[in-house]
Amino acid sequence: PRIDTAGNIYARLEGTNRTLSPILIGSHV
C-alpha cells in the first residue's frame, strides 16, 4: 500500500499492458 499526498490509500495489481490506464476500484473506511 502507498499513501498519496492527499492521504488516500492505493495498491496496484499490474496488468499485462502497462501502457493502459488503470481500473480504479474501492471505497472508504
PDB file of all heavy atoms in Angstrom:
ATOM      1  N   PRO A   1       0.827  -1.210   0.000  1.00  0.00           N
ATOM      2  CA  PRO A   1       0.000   0.000   0.000  1.00  0.00           C
ATOM      3  C   PRO A   1       0.861   1.260   0.000  1.00  0.00           C
ATOM      4  O   PRO A   1       1.953   1.278   0.560  1.00  0.00           O
ATOM      5  CB  PRO A   1      -0.804  -0.114   1.294  1.00  0.00           C
ATOM      6  CG  PRO A   1       0.010  -0.989   2.181  1.00  0.00           C
ATOM      7  CD  PRO A   1       0.733  -1.952   1.280  1.00  0.00           C
ATOM      8  N   ARG A   2       0.371   2.296  -0.637  1.00  0.00           N
ATOM      9  CA  ARG A   2       1.040   3.592  -0.617  1.00  0.00           C
ATOM     10  C   ARG A   2       0.004   4.661  -0.315  1.00  0.00           C
ATOM     11  O   ARG A   2      -1.192   4.485  -0.607  1.00  0.00           O
ATOM     12  CB  ARG A   2       1.742   3.883  -1.946  1.00  0.00           C
ATOM     13  CG  ARG A   2       0.812   4.097  -3.115  1.00  0.00           C
ATOM     14  CD  ARG A   2       1.560   4.482  -4.387  1.00  0.00           C
ATOM     15  NE  ARG A   2       0.652   4.721  -5.501  1.00  0.00           N
ATOM     16  CZ  ARG A   2       0.036   5.863  -5.752  1.00  0.00           C
ATOM     17  NH1 ARG A   2       0.244   6.908  -4.937  1.00  0.00           N
ATOM     18  NH2 ARG A   2      -0.787   5.996  -6.777  1.00  0.00           N
ATOM     19  N   ILE A   3       0.436   5.754   0.263  1.00  0.00           N
ATOM     20  CA  ILE A   3      -0.445   6.866   0.593  1.00  0.00           C
ATOM     21  C   ILE A   3      -0.069   8.051  -0.279  1.00  0.00           C
ATOM     22  O   ILE A   3       1.097   8.474  -0.307  1.00  0.00           O
ATOM     23  CB  ILE A   3      -0.330   7.230   2.088  1.00  0.00           C
ATOM     24  CG1 ILE A   3      -0.742   6.035   2.948  1.00  0.00           C
ATOM     25  CG2 ILE A   3      -1.188   8.442   2.414  1.00  0.00           C
ATOM     26  CD1 ILE A   3      -0.547   6.249   4.423  1.00  0.00           C
ATOM     27  N   ASP A   4      -1.044   8.572  -1.020  1.00  0.00           N
ATOM     28  CA  ASP A   4      -0.720   9.721  -1.869  1.00  0.00           C
ATOM     29  C   ASP A   4      -0.697  10.994  -1.025  1.00  0.00           C
ATOM     30  O   ASP A   4      -0.938  10.968   0.184  1.00  0.00           O
ATOM     31  CB  ASP A   4      -1.679   9.816  -3.063  1.00  0.00           C
ATOM     32  CG  ASP A   4      -3.090  10.271  -2.682  1.00  0.00           C
ATOM     33  OD1 ASP A   4      -3.351  10.515  -1.483  1.00  0.00           O
ATOM     34  OD2 ASP A   4      -3.937  10.380  -3.593  1.00  0.00           O
ATOM     35  N   THR A   5      -0.406  12.108  -1.650  1.00  0.00           N
ATOM     36  CA  THR A   5      -0.227  13.358  -0.909  1.00  0.00           C
ATOM     37  C   THR A   5      -1.525  13.858  -0.291  1.00  0.00           C
ATOM     38  O   THR A   5      -1.506  14.716   0.593  1.00  0.00           O
ATOM     39  CB  THR A   5       0.351  14.453  -1.818  1.00  0.00           C
ATOM     40  OG1 THR A   5      -0.513  14.634  -2.955  1.00  0.00           O
ATOM     41  CG2 THR A   5       1.746  14.068  -2.302  1.00  0.00           C
ATOM     42  N   ALA A   6      -2.672  13.321  -0.742  1.00  0.00           N
ATOM     43  CA  ALA A   6      -3.962  13.702  -0.161  1.00  0.00           C
ATOM     44  C   ALA A   6      -4.362  12.790   0.984  1.00  0.00           C
ATOM     45  O   ALA A   6      -5.358  13.044   1.661  1.00  0.00           O
ATOM     46  CB  ALA A   6      -5.046  13.671  -1.232  1.00  0.00           C
ATOM     47  N   GLY A   7      -3.599  11.712   1.211  1.00  0.00           N
ATOM     48  CA  GLY A   7      -3.935  10.785   2.273  1.00  0.00           C
ATOM     49  C   GLY A   7      -4.756   9.594   1.830  1.00  0.00           C
ATOM     50  O   GLY A   7      -5.150   8.768   2.654  1.00  0.00           O
ATOM     51  N   ASN A   8      -5.025   9.474   0.527  1.00  0.00           N
ATOM     52  CA  ASN A   8      -5.733   8.303   0.012  1.00  0.00           C
ATOM     53  C   ASN A   8      -4.782   7.110  -0.052  1.00  0.00           C
ATOM     54  O   ASN A   8      -3.596   7.268  -0.327  1.00  0.00           O
ATOM     55  CB  ASN A   8      -6.295   8.577  -1.383  1.00  0.00           C
ATOM     56  CG  ASN A   8      -7.299   9.708  -1.394  1.00  0.00           C
ATOM     57  OD1 ASN A   8      -8.210   9.745  -0.571  1.00  0.00           O
ATOM     58  ND2 ASN A   8      -7.129  10.651  -2.318  1.00  0.00           N
ATOM     59  N   ILE A   9      -5.315   5.916   0.190  1.00  0.00           N
ATOM     60  CA  ILE A   9      -4.512   4.695   0.168  1.00  0.00           C
ATOM     61  C   ILE A   9      -4.688   4.007  -1.184  1.00  0.00           C
ATOM     62  O   ILE A   9      -5.819   3.821  -1.652  1.00  0.00           O
ATOM     63  CB  ILE A   9      -4.935   3.740   1.296  1.00  0.00           C
ATOM     64  CG1 ILE A   9      -4.785   4.416   2.663  1.00  0.00           C
ATOM     65  CG2 ILE A   9      -4.131   2.441   1.248  1.00  0.00           C
ATOM     66  CD1 ILE A   9      -5.418   3.627   3.802  1.00  0.00           C
ATOM     67  N   TYR A  10      -3.589   3.614  -1.803  1.00  0.00           N
ATOM     68  CA  TYR A  10      -3.610   2.918  -3.080  1.00  0.00           C
ATOM     69  C   TYR A  10      -2.796   1.628  -2.994  1.00  0.00           C
ATOM     70  O   TYR A  10      -1.854   1.520  -2.203  1.00  0.00           O
ATOM     71  CB  TYR A  10      -2.993   3.784  -4.190  1.00  0.00           C
ATOM     72  CG  TYR A  10      -3.864   4.909  -4.685  1.00  0.00           C
ATOM     73  CD1 TYR A  10      -3.825   6.164  -4.072  1.00  0.00           C
ATOM     74  CD2 TYR A  10      -4.699   4.748  -5.784  1.00  0.00           C
ATOM     75  CE1 TYR A  10      -4.613   7.217  -4.528  1.00  0.00           C
ATOM     76  CE2 TYR A  10      -5.482   5.798  -6.250  1.00  0.00           C
ATOM     77  CZ  TYR A  10      -5.435   7.028  -5.627  1.00  0.00           C
ATOM     78  OH  TYR A  10      -6.214   8.064  -6.090  1.00  0.00           O
ATOM     79  N   ALA A  11      -3.156   0.674  -3.830  1.00  0.00           N
ATOM     80  CA  ALA A  11      -2.341  -0.530  -4.028  1.00  0.00           C
ATOM     81  C   ALA A  11      -2.609  -1.025  -5.442  1.00  0.00           C
ATOM     82  O   ALA A  11      -3.754  -0.971  -5.913  1.00  0.00           O
ATOM     83  CB  ALA A  11      -2.675  -1.609  -3.006  1.00  0.00           C
ATOM     84  N   ARG A  12      -1.584  -1.513  -6.127  1.00  0.00           N
ATOM     85  CA  ARG A  12      -1.727  -1.867  -7.556  1.00  0.00           C
ATOM     86  C   ARG A  12      -1.454  -3.334  -7.831  1.00  0.00           C
ATOM     87  O   ARG A  12      -0.516  -3.928  -7.287  1.00  0.00           O
ATOM     88  CB  ARG A  12      -0.791  -1.008  -8.411  1.00  0.00           C
ATOM     89  CG  ARG A  12      -0.697  -1.448  -9.880  1.00  0.00           C
ATOM     90  CD  ARG A  12      -0.078  -0.400 -10.767  1.00  0.00           C
ATOM     91  NE  ARG A  12      -0.946   0.783 -10.894  1.00  0.00           N
ATOM     92  CZ  ARG A  12      -0.787   1.738 -11.807  1.00  0.00           C
ATOM     93  NH1 ARG A  12       0.228   1.667 -12.664  1.00  0.00           N
ATOM     94  NH2 ARG A  12      -1.601   2.767 -11.863  1.00  0.00           N
ATOM     95  N   LEU A  13      -2.296  -3.887  -8.705  1.00  0.00           N
ATOM     96  CA  LEU A  13      -2.042  -5.184  -9.327  1.00  0.00           C
ATOM     97  C   LEU A  13      -1.726  -4.894 -10.787  1.00  0.00           C
ATOM     98  O   LEU A  13      -2.583  -4.397 -11.521  1.00  0.00           O
ATOM     99  CB  LEU A  13      -3.270  -6.079  -9.217  1.00  0.00           C
ATOM    100  CG  LEU A  13      -3.180  -7.450  -9.902  1.00  0.00           C
ATOM    101  CD1 LEU A  13      -2.155  -8.331  -9.191  1.00  0.00           C
ATOM    102  CD2 LEU A  13      -4.547  -8.139  -9.947  1.00  0.00           C
ATOM    103  N   GLU A  14      -0.507  -5.180 -11.198  1.00  0.00           N
ATOM    104  CA  GLU A  14      -0.101  -4.858 -12.563  1.00  0.00           C
ATOM    105  C   GLU A  14      -0.877  -5.682 -13.587  1.00  0.00           C
ATOM    106  O   GLU A  14      -1.243  -6.842 -13.338  1.00  0.00           O
ATOM    107  CB  GLU A  14       1.399  -5.102 -12.751  1.00  0.00           C
ATOM    108  CG  GLU A  14       2.284  -4.133 -11.977  1.00  0.00           C
ATOM    109  CD  GLU A  14       2.207  -2.700 -12.479  1.00  0.00           C
ATOM    110  OE1 GLU A  14       1.570  -2.464 -13.534  1.00  0.00           O
ATOM    111  OE2 GLU A  14       2.764  -1.802 -11.823  1.00  0.00           O
ATOM    112  N   GLY A  15      -1.117  -5.082 -14.757  1.00  0.00           N
ATOM    113  CA  GLY A  15      -1.762  -5.781 -15.854  1.00  0.00           C
ATOM    114  C   GLY A  15      -0.740  -6.260 -16.873  1.00  0.00           C
ATOM    115  O   GLY A  15       0.470  -6.074 -16.695  1.00  0.00           O
ATOM    116  N   THR A  16      -1.225  -6.874 -17.921  1.00  0.00           N
ATOM    117  CA  THR A  16      -0.305  -7.358 -18.956  1.00  0.00           C
ATOM    118  C   THR A  16       0.165  -6.231 -19.868  1.00  0.00           C
ATOM    119  O   THR A  16       1.161  -6.374 -20.570  1.00  0.00           O
ATOM    120  CB  THR A  16      -0.983  -8.444 -19.806  1.00  0.00           C
ATOM    121  OG1 THR A  16      -2.167  -7.906 -20.422  1.00  0.00           O
ATOM    122  CG2 THR A  16      -1.368  -9.643 -18.947  1.00  0.00           C
ATOM    123  N   ASN A  17      -0.547  -5.097 -19.872  1.00  0.00           N
ATOM    124  CA  ASN A  17      -0.191  -3.976 -20.733  1.00  0.00           C
ATOM    125  C   ASN A  17      -0.034  -2.723 -19.871  1.00  0.00           C
ATOM    126  O   ASN A  17      -1.021  -2.082 -19.520  1.00  0.00           O
ATOM    127  CB  ASN A  17      -1.252  -3.766 -21.811  1.00  0.00           C
ATOM    128  CG  ASN A  17      -0.840  -2.732 -22.842  1.00  0.00           C
ATOM    129  OD1 ASN A  17       0.069  -1.931 -22.628  1.00  0.00           O
ATOM    130  ND2 ASN A  17      -1.506  -2.735 -23.986  1.00  0.00           N
ATOM    131  N   ARG A  18       1.175  -2.398 -19.511  1.00  0.00           N
ATOM    132  CA  ARG A  18       1.422  -1.265 -18.616  1.00  0.00           C
ATOM    133  C   ARG A  18       1.185   0.089 -19.276  1.00  0.00           C
ATOM    134  O   ARG A  18       1.236   1.125 -18.608  1.00  0.00           O
ATOM    135  CB  ARG A  18       2.845  -1.336 -18.063  1.00  0.00           C
ATOM    136  CG  ARG A  18       3.079  -2.557 -17.178  1.00  0.00           C
ATOM    137  CD  ARG A  18       4.373  -2.427 -16.415  1.00  0.00           C
ATOM    138  NE  ARG A  18       4.586  -3.564 -15.512  1.00  0.00           N
ATOM    139  CZ  ARG A  18       5.526  -3.608 -14.587  1.00  0.00           C
ATOM    140  NH1 ARG A  18       6.349  -2.585 -14.432  1.00  0.00           N
ATOM    141  NH2 ARG A  18       5.660  -4.672 -13.816  1.00  0.00           N
ATOM    142  N   THR A  19       0.944   0.103 -20.566  1.00  0.00           N
ATOM    143  CA  THR A  19       0.660   1.379 -21.233  1.00  0.00           C
ATOM    144  C   THR A  19      -0.796   1.789 -21.052  1.00  0.00           C
ATOM    145  O   THR A  19      -1.159   2.932 -21.340  1.00  0.00           O
ATOM    146  CB  THR A  19       0.972   1.291 -22.738  1.00  0.00           C
ATOM    147  OG1 THR A  19       0.062   0.371 -23.369  1.00  0.00           O
ATOM    148  CG2 THR A  19       2.410   0.826 -22.976  1.00  0.00           C
ATOM    149  N   LEU A  20      -1.627   0.862 -20.582  1.00  0.00           N
ATOM    150  CA  LEU A  20      -3.043   1.168 -20.400  1.00  0.00           C
ATOM    151  C   LEU A  20      -3.279   1.835 -19.054  1.00  0.00           C
ATOM    152  O   LEU A  20      -2.573   1.577 -18.080  1.00  0.00           O
ATOM    153  CB  LEU A  20      -3.872  -0.116 -20.492  1.00  0.00           C
ATOM    154  CG  LEU A  20      -3.858  -0.837 -21.840  1.00  0.00           C
ATOM    155  CD1 LEU A  20      -4.654  -2.132 -21.750  1.00  0.00           C
ATOM    156  CD2 LEU A  20      -4.411   0.059 -22.942  1.00  0.00           C
ATOM    157  N   SER A  21      -4.298   2.681 -18.999  1.00  0.00           N
ATOM    158  CA  SER A  21      -4.657   3.342 -17.745  1.00  0.00           C
ATOM    159  C   SER A  21      -5.259   2.318 -16.786  1.00  0.00           C
ATOM    160  O   SER A  21      -5.876   1.340 -17.208  1.00  0.00           O
ATOM    161  CB  SER A  21      -5.679   4.455 -18.009  1.00  0.00           C
ATOM    162  OG  SER A  21      -5.142   5.426 -18.878  1.00  0.00           O
ATOM    163  N   PRO A  22      -5.096   2.529 -15.485  1.00  0.00           N
ATOM    164  CA  PRO A  22      -5.593   1.551 -14.521  1.00  0.00           C
ATOM    165  C   PRO A  22      -7.104   1.607 -14.328  1.00  0.00           C
ATOM    166  O   PRO A  22      -7.736   2.648 -14.482  1.00  0.00           O
ATOM    167  CB  PRO A  22      -4.873   1.940 -13.227  1.00  0.00           C
ATOM    168  CG  PRO A  22      -4.646   3.410 -13.373  1.00  0.00           C
ATOM    169  CD  PRO A  22      -4.355   3.627 -14.830  1.00  0.00           C
ATOM    170  N   ILE A  23      -7.664   0.462 -13.980  1.00  0.00           N
ATOM    171  CA  ILE A  23      -9.033   0.383 -13.474  1.00  0.00           C
ATOM    172  C   ILE A  23      -8.951   0.745 -11.998  1.00  0.00           C
ATOM    173  O   ILE A  23      -8.095   0.239 -11.280  1.00  0.00           O
ATOM    174  CB  ILE A  23      -9.595  -1.041 -13.617  1.00  0.00           C
ATOM    175  CG1 ILE A  23      -9.560  -1.490 -15.069  1.00  0.00           C
ATOM    176  CG2 ILE A  23     -10.998  -1.134 -13.034  1.00  0.00           C
ATOM    177  CD1 ILE A  23      -9.728  -2.992 -15.226  1.00  0.00           C
ATOM    178  N   LEU A  24      -9.826   1.615 -11.542  1.00  0.00           N
ATOM    179  CA  LEU A  24      -9.827   2.041 -10.141  1.00  0.00           C
ATOM    180  C   LEU A  24     -11.040   1.412  -9.454  1.00  0.00           C
ATOM    181  O   LEU A  24     -12.157   1.507  -9.960  1.00  0.00           O
ATOM    182  CB  LEU A  24      -9.898   3.568 -10.073  1.00  0.00           C
ATOM    183  CG  LEU A  24      -9.453   4.258  -8.784  1.00  0.00           C
ATOM    184  CD1 LEU A  24      -8.009   3.911  -8.451  1.00  0.00           C
ATOM    185  CD2 LEU A  24      -9.614   5.773  -8.915  1.00  0.00           C
ATOM    186  N   ILE A  25     -10.811   0.748  -8.320  1.00  0.00           N
ATOM    187  CA  ILE A  25     -11.894   0.102  -7.597  1.00  0.00           C
ATOM    188  C   ILE A  25     -11.671   0.269  -6.106  1.00  0.00           C
ATOM    189  O   ILE A  25     -10.546   0.117  -5.620  1.00  0.00           O
ATOM    190  CB  ILE A  25     -11.990  -1.397  -7.974  1.00  0.00           C
ATOM    191  CG1 ILE A  25     -13.109  -2.089  -7.180  1.00  0.00           C
ATOM    192  CG2 ILE A  25     -10.670  -2.120  -7.782  1.00  0.00           C
ATOM    193  CD1 ILE A  25     -13.392  -3.515  -7.641  1.00  0.00           C
ATOM    194  N   GLY A  26     -12.716   0.637  -5.379  1.00  0.00           N
ATOM    195  CA  GLY A  26     -12.550   0.828  -3.944  1.00  0.00           C
ATOM    196  C   GLY A  26     -13.682   1.628  -3.343  1.00  0.00           C
ATOM    197  O   GLY A  26     -14.741   1.811  -3.945  1.00  0.00           O
ATOM    198  N   SER A  27     -13.444   2.157  -2.131  1.00  0.00           N
ATOM    199  CA  SER A  27     -14.450   2.947  -1.423  1.00  0.00           C
ATOM    200  C   SER A  27     -13.755   3.665  -0.265  1.00  0.00           C
ATOM    201  O   SER A  27     -12.656   4.196  -0.448  1.00  0.00           O
ATOM    202  CB  SER A  27     -15.600   2.060  -0.931  1.00  0.00           C
ATOM    203  OG  SER A  27     -16.684   2.833  -0.462  1.00  0.00           O
ATOM    204  N   HIS A  28     -14.341   3.665   0.917  1.00  0.00           N
ATOM    205  CA  HIS A  28     -13.769   4.360   2.071  1.00  0.00           C
ATOM    206  C   HIS A  28     -13.970   3.515   3.308  1.00  0.00           C
ATOM    207  O   HIS A  28     -14.797   2.582   3.316  1.00  0.00           O
ATOM    208  CB  HIS A  28     -14.419   5.734   2.263  1.00  0.00           C
ATOM    209  CG  HIS A  28     -15.898   5.651   2.568  1.00  0.00           C
ATOM    210  ND1 HIS A  28     -16.402   5.640   3.857  1.00  0.00           N
ATOM    211  CD2 HIS A  28     -16.979   5.552   1.752  1.00  0.00           C
ATOM    212  CE1 HIS A  28     -17.716   5.543   3.817  1.00  0.00           C
ATOM    213  NE2 HIS A  28     -18.106   5.480   2.559  1.00  0.00           N
ATOM    214  N   VAL A  29     -13.247   3.821   4.394  1.00  0.00           N
ATOM    215  CA  VAL A  29     -13.418   3.082   5.650  1.00  0.00           C
ATOM    216  C   VAL A  29     -13.734   4.003   6.824  1.00  0.00           C
ATOM    217  O   VAL A  29     -13.908   3.528   7.945  1.00  0.00           O
ATOM    218  CB  VAL A  29     -12.178   2.208   5.984  1.00  0.00           C
ATOM    219  CG1 VAL A  29     -12.011   1.109   4.948  1.00  0.00           C
ATOM    220  CG2 VAL A  29     -10.912   3.045   6.106  1.00  0.00           C
TER     221      VAL A  29
END
